[in-house]
Amino acid sequence: MKRTGFVFLVAGLICLGAGCGSSGKAILFDQREPIALVSVVSNWDINWQDEEPINPKQPDLFLNKRALRNDPDLTIVSNAEELIKTAEGLIRDNMTSSVISLTGREPVLSSRAYQEARINKNHVYEGLVKPDDFRFVDYRDKNFPAALAKETGIQRTMYVEFNFVRAMTFGIGKHGTYRGEVEMTIYIYDAQGKRFFRKTVTMYSRPTLAVSLGIYSHTELMSHLQSTISDACYEFLEDFES
């Protein structure tokens, strides 16, 4: 009896969790109001999966440094400062549907509510990066959504968090092929600061990319990651509307 009761309890909790996700979708479908994109952030270092950042000053990287001098596009380290600047535009260009409608950029960023919104200190301490003109708006600031709604009439806010990594797909060590990985998490809040929707999408660059002794093309990686961000947006909409 105890085991049966436990099974029903777990099943009930699973259904409850699924219901919460479904209710968030239902709200967006039933009340198709424009959403303000208020935060786009990501990790700064685009590291190898499950590894610490590479220190380019290490003495054992002599051969790598020589290769870098021969071709400035080759690199052993990458960061997302360049990538995050285009991420916002990619979201706006690719995340459009009959349900998801993003408001204009300027009315939100220039609003008094946005300029006075509380900063997420964790994002600052963690060294995350964001597009120009954006702020590290704290999603826990309950006053911000209400102030934005009062000033602009916008009733919903969206926060997007990216995590970029590189992962080997074939070879030994850092010699062979790899792929860029994009994890995109979207949070949507109402005018009372209550989160009613959350979704994470993970996508991989294709085709795979070449790496030799830890050296790879920076331009090639950035291009593929941009395409993968677009793929993540499409995947989000396809799954959301299915």
C-alpha atoms as a PDB file:
ATOM      1  CA  MET A   1       0.000   0.000   0.000  1.00  0.00           C
ATOM      2  CA  LYS A   2       2.808   2.372   0.889  1.00  0.00           C
ATOM      3  CA  ARG A   3       4.547   1.707  -2.429  1.00  0.00           C
ATOM      4  CA  THR A   4       1.292   2.188  -4.368  1.00  0.00           C
ATOM      5  CA  GLY A   5       0.629   5.453  -2.580  1.00  0.00           C
ATOM      6  CA  PHE A   6       4.147   6.660  -3.373  1.00  0.00           C
ATOM      7  CA  VAL A   7       3.725   5.836  -7.069  1.00  0.00           C
ATOM      8  CA  PHE A   8       0.479   7.802  -7.232  1.00  0.00           C
ATOM      9  CA  LEU A   9       2.103  10.715  -5.404  1.00  0.00           C
ATOM     10  CA  VAL A  10       4.999  10.866  -7.897  1.00  0.00           C
ATOM     11  CA  ALA A  11       2.597  10.586 -10.826  1.00  0.00           C
ATOM     12  CA  GLY A  12       0.528  13.398  -9.397  1.00  0.00           C
ATOM     13  CA  LEU A  13       3.572  15.630  -9.008  1.00  0.00           C
ATOM     14  CA  ILE A  14       4.631  14.930 -12.601  1.00  0.00           C
ATOM     15  CA  CYS A  15       1.173  15.807 -13.884  1.00  0.00           C
ATOM     16  CA  LEU A  16       1.157  18.948 -11.779  1.00  0.00           C
ATOM     17  CA  GLY A  17       4.504  20.010 -13.254  1.00  0.00           C
ATOM     18  CA  ALA A  18       3.285  19.310 -16.778  1.00  0.00           C
ATOM     19  CA  GLY A  19       0.129  21.264 -16.044  1.00  0.00           C
ATOM     20  CA  CYS A  20       2.142  24.315 -15.031  1.00  0.00           C
ATOM     21  CA  GLY A  21       4.048  24.201 -18.315  1.00  0.00           C
ATOM     22  CA  SER A  22       0.858  23.703 -20.274  1.00  0.00           C
ATOM     23  CA  SER A  23      -0.855  26.551 -18.456  1.00  0.00           C
ATOM     24  CA  GLY A  24       1.976  28.897 -19.473  1.00  0.00           C
ATOM     25  CA  LYS A  25       1.469  27.935 -23.105  1.00  0.00           C
ATOM     26  CA  ALA A  26      -2.279  28.355 -22.740  1.00  0.00           C
ATOM     27  CA  ILE A  27      -1.867  31.881 -21.391  1.00  0.00           C
ATOM     28  CA  LEU A  28       0.304  32.879 -24.341  1.00  0.00           C
ATOM     29  CA  PHE A  29      -2.109  31.331 -26.824  1.00  0.00           C
ATOM     30  CA  ASP A  30      -5.204  32.861 -25.244  1.00  0.00           C
ATOM     31  CA  GLN A  31      -3.775  36.313 -24.550  1.00  0.00           C
ATOM     32  CA  ARG A  32      -1.559  37.214 -27.497  1.00  0.00           C
ATOM     33  CA  GLU A  33      -0.031  40.419 -26.217  1.00  0.00           C
ATOM     34  CA  PRO A  34       3.367  41.795 -27.325  1.00  0.00           C
ATOM     35  CA  ILE A  35       6.309  40.817 -25.132  1.00  0.00           C
ATOM     36  CA  ALA A  36       9.230  43.066 -24.176  1.00  0.00           C
ATOM     37  CA  LEU A  37      12.667  41.505 -24.614  1.00  0.00           C
ATOM     38  CA  VAL A  38      14.407  42.981 -21.560  1.00  0.00           C
ATOM     39  CA  SER A  39      17.470  40.773 -21.017  1.00  0.00           C
ATOM     40  CA  VAL A  40      19.838  38.744 -23.222  1.00  0.00           C
ATOM     41  CA  VAL A  41      22.908  37.328 -21.464  1.00  0.00           C
ATOM     42  CA  SER A  42      25.474  34.571 -21.902  1.00  0.00           C
ATOM     43  CA  ASN A  43      28.688  33.169 -20.498  1.00  0.00           C
ATOM     44  CA  TRP A  44      31.815  35.100 -21.549  1.00  0.00           C
ATOM     45  CA  ASP A  45      34.183  32.154 -22.107  1.00  0.00           C
ATOM     46  CA  ILE A  46      33.199  29.701 -24.824  1.00  0.00           C
ATOM     47  CA  ASN A  47      35.058  26.800 -23.254  1.00  0.00           C
ATOM     48  CA  TRP A  48      35.544  23.173 -24.157  1.00  0.00           C
ATOM     49  CA  GLN A  49      32.809  21.072 -22.588  1.00  0.00           C
ATOM     50  CA  ASP A  50      33.566  20.127 -18.960  1.00  0.00           C
ATOM     51  CA  GLU A  51      36.920  21.959 -19.019  1.00  0.00           C
ATOM     52  CA  GLU A  52      38.298  25.091 -17.430  1.00  0.00           C
ATOM     53  CA  PRO A  53      39.248  28.047 -19.694  1.00  0.00           C
ATOM     54  CA  ILE A  54      42.587  27.764 -21.491  1.00  0.00           C
ATOM     55  CA  ASN A  55      45.250  30.220 -20.419  1.00  0.00           C
ATOM     56  CA  PRO A  56      46.847  31.455 -23.686  1.00  0.00           C
ATOM     57  CA  LYS A  57      50.017  32.419 -21.735  1.00  0.00           C
ATOM     58  CA  GLN A  58      50.872  28.817 -20.853  1.00  0.00           C
ATOM     59  CA  PRO A  59      54.435  27.984 -22.024  1.00  0.00           C
ATOM     60  CA  ASP A  60      53.384  24.607 -23.480  1.00  0.00           C
ATOM     61  CA  LEU A  61      51.297  26.387 -26.106  1.00  0.00           C
ATOM     62  CA  PHE A  62      54.342  27.490 -28.136  1.00  0.00           C
ATOM     63  CA  LEU A  63      53.314  25.597 -31.281  1.00  0.00           C
ATOM     64  CA  ASN A  64      49.800  26.968 -31.008  1.00  0.00           C
ATOM     65  CA  LYS A  65      51.092  30.533 -30.732  1.00  0.00           C
ATOM     66  CA  ARG A  66      53.271  30.092 -33.804  1.00  0.00           C
ATOM     67  CA  ALA A  67      50.250  28.871 -35.782  1.00  0.00           C
ATOM     68  CA  LEU A  68      48.243  31.859 -34.595  1.00  0.00           C
ATOM     69  CA  ARG A  69      50.877  34.264 -35.870  1.00  0.00           C
ATOM     70  CA  ASN A  70      50.710  32.618 -39.295  1.00  0.00           C
ATOM     71  CA  ASP A  71      46.913  33.046 -39.541  1.00  0.00           C
ATOM     72  CA  PRO A  72      45.174  35.658 -37.334  1.00  0.00           C
ATOM     73  CA  ASP A  73      41.825  33.877 -37.788  1.00  0.00           C
ATOM     74  CA  LEU A  74      43.115  30.795 -35.991  1.00  0.00           C
ATOM     75  CA  THR A  75      42.664  30.727 -32.232  1.00  0.00           C
ATOM     76  CA  ILE A  76      42.764  28.515 -29.149  1.00  0.00           C
ATOM     77  CA  VAL A  77      40.327  30.575 -27.057  1.00  0.00           C
ATOM     78  CA  SER A  78      37.029  32.310 -27.803  1.00  0.00           C
ATOM     79  CA  ASN A  79      34.597  34.530 -25.961  1.00  0.00           C
ATOM     80  CA  ALA A  80      31.001  35.571 -26.603  1.00  0.00           C
ATOM     81  CA  GLU A  81      31.397  39.360 -26.604  1.00  0.00           C
ATOM     82  CA  GLU A  82      31.046  39.496 -30.380  1.00  0.00           C
ATOM     83  CA  LEU A  83      28.388  36.783 -30.497  1.00  0.00           C
ATOM     84  CA  ILE A  84      26.045  38.261 -27.885  1.00  0.00           C
ATOM     85  CA  LYS A  85      25.845  41.527 -29.835  1.00  0.00           C
ATOM     86  CA  THR A  86      24.193  39.704 -32.725  1.00  0.00           C
ATOM     87  CA  ALA A  87      22.147  37.330 -30.552  1.00  0.00           C
ATOM     88  CA  GLU A  88      19.440  39.900 -29.852  1.00  0.00           C
ATOM     89  CA  GLY A  89      18.949  40.606 -33.567  1.00  0.00           C
ATOM     90  CA  LEU A  90      18.834  36.885 -34.312  1.00  0.00           C
ATOM     91  CA  ILE A  91      16.127  36.425 -31.686  1.00  0.00           C
ATOM     92  CA  ARG A  92      14.071  39.266 -33.145  1.00  0.00           C
ATOM     93  CA  ASP A  93      14.545  38.062 -36.724  1.00  0.00           C
ATOM     94  CA  ASN A  94      13.776  34.408 -36.063  1.00  0.00           C
ATOM     95  CA  MET A  95      11.411  34.309 -33.108  1.00  0.00           C
ATOM     96  CA  THR A  96       8.237  35.571 -34.734  1.00  0.00           C
ATOM     97  CA  SER A  97       4.975  33.678 -34.880  1.00  0.00           C
ATOM     98  CA  SER A  98       1.268  34.146 -34.468  1.00  0.00           C
ATOM     99  CA  VAL A  99       1.750  33.761 -30.713  1.00  0.00           C
ATOM    100  CA  ILE A 100       5.141  35.265 -29.880  1.00  0.00           C
ATOM    101  CA  SER A 101       5.331  38.950 -30.789  1.00  0.00           C
ATOM    102  CA  LEU A 102       8.194  41.072 -29.482  1.00  0.00           C
ATOM    103  CA  THR A 103       7.795  44.794 -28.925  1.00  0.00           C
ATOM    104  CA  GLY A 104      10.199  47.330 -30.398  1.00  0.00           C
ATOM    105  CA  ARG A 105      13.610  47.715 -28.835  1.00  0.00           C
ATOM    106  CA  GLU A 106      13.820  51.440 -28.168  1.00  0.00           C
ATOM    107  CA  PRO A 107      10.542  52.027 -26.286  1.00  0.00           C
ATOM    108  CA  VAL A 108      11.667  49.416 -23.763  1.00  0.00           C
ATOM    109  CA  LEU A 109      15.349  50.313 -23.371  1.00  0.00           C
ATOM    110  CA  SER A 110      14.679  54.053 -23.221  1.00  0.00           C
ATOM    111  CA  SER A 111      11.865  53.774 -20.684  1.00  0.00           C
ATOM    112  CA  ARG A 112      12.344  55.117 -17.188  1.00  0.00           C
ATOM    113  CA  ALA A 113      11.221  51.778 -15.768  1.00  0.00           C
ATOM    114  CA  TYR A 114      14.017  49.978 -17.610  1.00  0.00           C
ATOM    115  CA  GLN A 115      16.675  52.498 -16.685  1.00  0.00           C
ATOM    116  CA  GLU A 116      15.705  52.265 -13.015  1.00  0.00           C
ATOM    117  CA  ALA A 117      15.275  48.475 -12.908  1.00  0.00           C
ATOM    118  CA  ARG A 118      17.318  46.605 -10.337  1.00  0.00           C
ATOM    119  CA  ILE A 119      20.547  45.034 -11.587  1.00  0.00           C
ATOM    120  CA  ASN A 120      21.179  41.300 -11.275  1.00  0.00           C
ATOM    121  CA  LYS A 121      24.433  41.375  -9.304  1.00  0.00           C
ATOM    122  CA  ASN A 122      24.995  37.653  -9.836  1.00  0.00           C
ATOM    123  CA  HIS A 123      25.256  38.207 -13.587  1.00  0.00           C
ATOM    124  CA  VAL A 124      27.793  40.973 -12.984  1.00  0.00           C
ATOM    125  CA  TYR A 125      29.878  38.898 -10.561  1.00  0.00           C
ATOM    126  CA  GLU A 126      29.788  35.885 -12.876  1.00  0.00           C
ATOM    127  CA  GLY A 127      31.174  37.997 -15.713  1.00  0.00           C
ATOM    128  CA  LEU A 128      28.291  37.381 -18.097  1.00  0.00           C
ATOM    129  CA  VAL A 129      28.006  39.469 -21.269  1.00  0.00           C
ATOM    130  CA  LYS A 130      25.055  41.268 -22.865  1.00  0.00           C
ATOM    131  CA  PRO A 131      24.276  43.281 -26.012  1.00  0.00           C
ATOM    132  CA  ASP A 132      25.090  46.990 -26.081  1.00  0.00           C
ATOM    133  CA  ASP A 133      22.498  49.264 -24.420  1.00  0.00           C
ATOM    134  CA  PHE A 134      20.983  46.368 -22.490  1.00  0.00           C
ATOM    135  CA  ARG A 135      21.194  46.089 -18.712  1.00  0.00           C
ATOM    136  CA  PHE A 136      21.531  43.069 -16.430  1.00  0.00           C
ATOM    137  CA  VAL A 137      17.909  43.427 -15.318  1.00  0.00           C
ATOM    138  CA  ASP A 138      17.104  41.335 -12.255  1.00  0.00           C
ATOM    139  CA  TYR A 139      14.160  39.007 -12.939  1.00  0.00           C
ATOM    140  CA  ARG A 140      13.458  39.020  -9.174  1.00  0.00           C
ATOM    141  CA  ASP A 141      12.649  42.743  -9.269  1.00  0.00           C
ATOM    142  CA  LYS A 142       8.842  42.636  -8.889  1.00  0.00           C
ATOM    143  CA  ASN A 143       8.558  46.416  -9.253  1.00  0.00           C
ATOM    144  CA  PHE A 144      10.073  46.536 -12.744  1.00  0.00           C
ATOM    145  CA  PRO A 145       7.358  44.691 -14.737  1.00  0.00           C
ATOM    146  CA  ALA A 146       4.635  46.731 -13.037  1.00  0.00           C
ATOM    147  CA  ALA A 147       6.471  50.005 -13.695  1.00  0.00           C
ATOM    148  CA  LEU A 148       7.084  49.045 -17.348  1.00  0.00           C
ATOM    149  CA  ALA A 149       3.420  48.131 -17.802  1.00  0.00           C
ATOM    150  CA  LYS A 150       2.291  51.412 -16.277  1.00  0.00           C
ATOM    151  CA  GLU A 151       4.681  53.478 -18.420  1.00  0.00           C
ATOM    152  CA  THR A 152       4.432  51.660 -21.761  1.00  0.00           C
ATOM    153  CA  GLY A 153       1.374  49.409 -21.507  1.00  0.00           C
ATOM    154  CA  ILE A 154       3.551  46.316 -22.095  1.00  0.00           C
ATOM    155  CA  GLN A 155       2.259  43.527 -19.870  1.00  0.00           C
ATOM    156  CA  ARG A 156       4.923  40.853 -20.387  1.00  0.00           C
ATOM    157  CA  THR A 157       8.700  40.644 -20.196  1.00  0.00           C
ATOM    158  CA  MET A 158      11.101  38.079 -21.655  1.00  0.00           C
ATOM    159  CA  TYR A 159      14.547  37.102 -20.345  1.00  0.00           C
ATOM    160  CA  VAL A 160      16.869  34.988 -22.507  1.00  0.00           C
ATOM    161  CA  GLU A 161      19.964  33.207 -21.181  1.00  0.00           C
ATOM    162  CA  PHE A 162      22.517  31.493 -23.428  1.00  0.00           C
ATOM    163  CA  ASN A 163      25.281  29.065 -22.628  1.00  0.00           C
ATOM    164  CA  PHE A 164      27.861  28.495 -25.379  1.00  0.00           C
ATOM    165  CA  VAL A 165      30.384  25.642 -25.365  1.00  0.00           C
ATOM    166  CA  ARG A 166      32.609  23.686 -27.731  1.00  0.00           C
ATOM    167  CA  ALA A 167      32.509  19.878 -27.690  1.00  0.00           C
ATOM    168  CA  MET A 168      34.669  17.305 -29.458  1.00  0.00           C
ATOM    169  CA  THR A 169      32.799  14.915 -31.752  1.00  0.00           C
ATOM    170  CA  PHE A 170      35.688  12.843 -33.119  1.00  0.00           C
ATOM    171  CA  GLY A 171      39.421  12.523 -32.563  1.00  0.00           C
ATOM    172  CA  ILE A 172      41.945  12.407 -29.764  1.00  0.00           C
ATOM    173  CA  GLY A 173      42.440  15.293 -27.364  1.00  0.00           C
ATOM    174  CA  LYS A 174      41.821  18.500 -29.283  1.00  0.00           C
ATOM    175  CA  HIS A 175      42.642  17.048 -32.706  1.00  0.00           C
ATOM    176  CA  GLY A 176      39.775  16.021 -34.967  1.00  0.00           C
ATOM    177  CA  THR A 177      36.301  17.538 -35.234  1.00  0.00           C
ATOM    178  CA  TYR A 178      34.118  19.467 -32.821  1.00  0.00           C
ATOM    179  CA  ARG A 179      30.803  21.292 -32.719  1.00  0.00           C
ATOM    180  CA  GLY A 180      29.475  24.423 -31.105  1.00  0.00           C
ATOM    181  CA  GLU A 181      26.619  23.950 -28.671  1.00  0.00           C
ATOM    182  CA  VAL A 182      23.935  26.505 -27.793  1.00  0.00           C
ATOM    183  CA  GLU A 183      21.699  26.196 -24.766  1.00  0.00           C
ATOM    184  CA  MET A 184      18.951  28.826 -24.813  1.00  0.00           C
ATOM    185  CA  THR A 185      16.577  29.301 -21.873  1.00  0.00           C
ATOM    186  CA  ILE A 186      13.583  31.638 -22.172  1.00  0.00           C
ATOM    187  CA  TYR A 187      11.649  33.027 -19.209  1.00  0.00           C
ATOM    188  CA  ILE A 188       8.435  35.066 -19.557  1.00  0.00           C
ATOM    189  CA  TYR A 189       6.907  37.090 -16.712  1.00  0.00           C
ATOM    190  CA  ASP A 190       3.605  38.879 -16.316  1.00  0.00           C
ATOM    191  CA  ALA A 191       3.076  42.491 -15.160  1.00  0.00           C
ATOM    192  CA  GLN A 192       3.096  41.375 -11.526  1.00  0.00           C
ATOM    193  CA  GLY A 193       6.553  39.868 -11.877  1.00  0.00           C
ATOM    194  CA  LYS A 194       5.277  36.292 -11.780  1.00  0.00           C
ATOM    195  CA  ARG A 195       7.002  33.815 -14.067  1.00  0.00           C
ATOM    196  CA  PHE A 196       4.445  31.782 -15.992  1.00  0.00           C
ATOM    197  CA  PHE A 197       6.612  30.316 -18.761  1.00  0.00           C
ATOM    198  CA  ARG A 198      10.060  28.712 -18.979  1.00  0.00           C
ATOM    199  CA  LYS A 199      11.606  26.702 -21.800  1.00  0.00           C
ATOM    200  CA  THR A 200      15.149  25.456 -22.513  1.00  0.00           C
ATOM    201  CA  VAL A 201      16.307  24.470 -26.010  1.00  0.00           C
ATOM    202  CA  THR A 202      19.683  22.879 -26.782  1.00  0.00           C
ATOM    203  CA  MET A 203      21.006  22.849 -30.340  1.00  0.00           C
ATOM    204  CA  TYR A 204      24.279  21.833 -32.004  1.00  0.00           C
ATOM    205  CA  SER A 205      26.118  23.376 -34.926  1.00  0.00           C
ATOM    206  CA  ARG A 206      26.161  21.408 -38.135  1.00  0.00           C
ATOM    207  CA  PRO A 207      28.222  20.305 -39.867  1.00  0.00           C
ATOM    208  CA  THR A 208      31.062  19.603 -37.446  1.00  0.00           C
ATOM    209  CA  LEU A 209      34.157  21.817 -37.498  1.00  0.00           C
ATOM    210  CA  ALA A 210      37.857  21.011 -37.717  1.00  0.00           C
ATOM    211  CA  VAL A 211      40.302  21.454 -34.824  1.00  0.00           C
ATOM    212  CA  SER A 212      44.031  20.645 -34.878  1.00  0.00           C
ATOM    213  CA  LEU A 213      46.116  20.584 -31.687  1.00  0.00           C
ATOM    214  CA  GLY A 214      43.486  22.798 -30.070  1.00  0.00           C
ATOM    215  CA  ILE A 215      43.593  25.353 -32.901  1.00  0.00           C
ATOM    216  CA  TYR A 216      40.437  26.237 -34.831  1.00  0.00           C
ATOM    217  CA  SER A 217      38.963  29.010 -36.971  1.00  0.00           C
ATOM    218  CA  HIS A 218      37.378  31.777 -34.902  1.00  0.00           C
ATOM    219  CA  THR A 219      35.306  33.075 -37.832  1.00  0.00           C
ATOM    220  CA  GLU A 220      34.002  29.596 -38.596  1.00  0.00           C
ATOM    221  CA  LEU A 221      32.945  29.029 -34.973  1.00  0.00           C
ATOM    222  CA  MET A 222      31.166  32.387 -34.713  1.00  0.00           C
ATOM    223  CA  SER A 223      29.322  31.830 -37.984  1.00  0.00           C
ATOM    224  CA  HIS A 224      28.138  28.383 -36.945  1.00  0.00           C
ATOM    225  CA  LEU A 225      27.072  29.540 -33.490  1.00  0.00           C
ATOM    226  CA  GLN A 226      25.008  32.337 -35.043  1.00  0.00           C
ATOM    227  CA  SER A 227      23.273  29.800 -37.284  1.00  0.00           C
ATOM    228  CA  THR A 228      22.705  27.570 -34.267  1.00  0.00           C
ATOM    229  CA  ILE A 229      21.056  30.426 -32.350  1.00  0.00           C
ATOM    230  CA  SER A 230      18.631  30.801 -35.263  1.00  0.00           C
ATOM    231  CA  ASP A 231      18.033  27.036 -35.221  1.00  0.00           C
ATOM    232  CA  ALA A 232      17.302  27.230 -31.473  1.00  0.00           C
ATOM    233  CA  CYS A 233      14.707  29.934 -32.106  1.00  0.00           C
ATOM    234  CA  TYR A 234      13.022  27.843 -34.795  1.00  0.00           C
ATOM    235  CA  GLU A 235      13.103  24.780 -32.540  1.00  0.00           C
ATOM    236  CA  PHE A 236      11.545  26.793 -29.722  1.00  0.00           C
ATOM    237  CA  LEU A 237       8.680  27.999 -31.913  1.00  0.00           C
ATOM    238  CA  GLU A 238       8.113  24.601 -33.523  1.00  0.00           C
ATOM    239  CA  ASP A 239       7.954  22.858 -30.145  1.00  0.00           C
ATOM    240  CA  PHE A 240       5.931  25.684 -28.614  1.00  0.00           C
ATOM    241  CA  GLU A 241       3.269  25.644 -31.328  1.00  0.00           C
ATOM    242  CA  SER A 242       3.060  21.870 -31.682  1.00  0.00           C
END
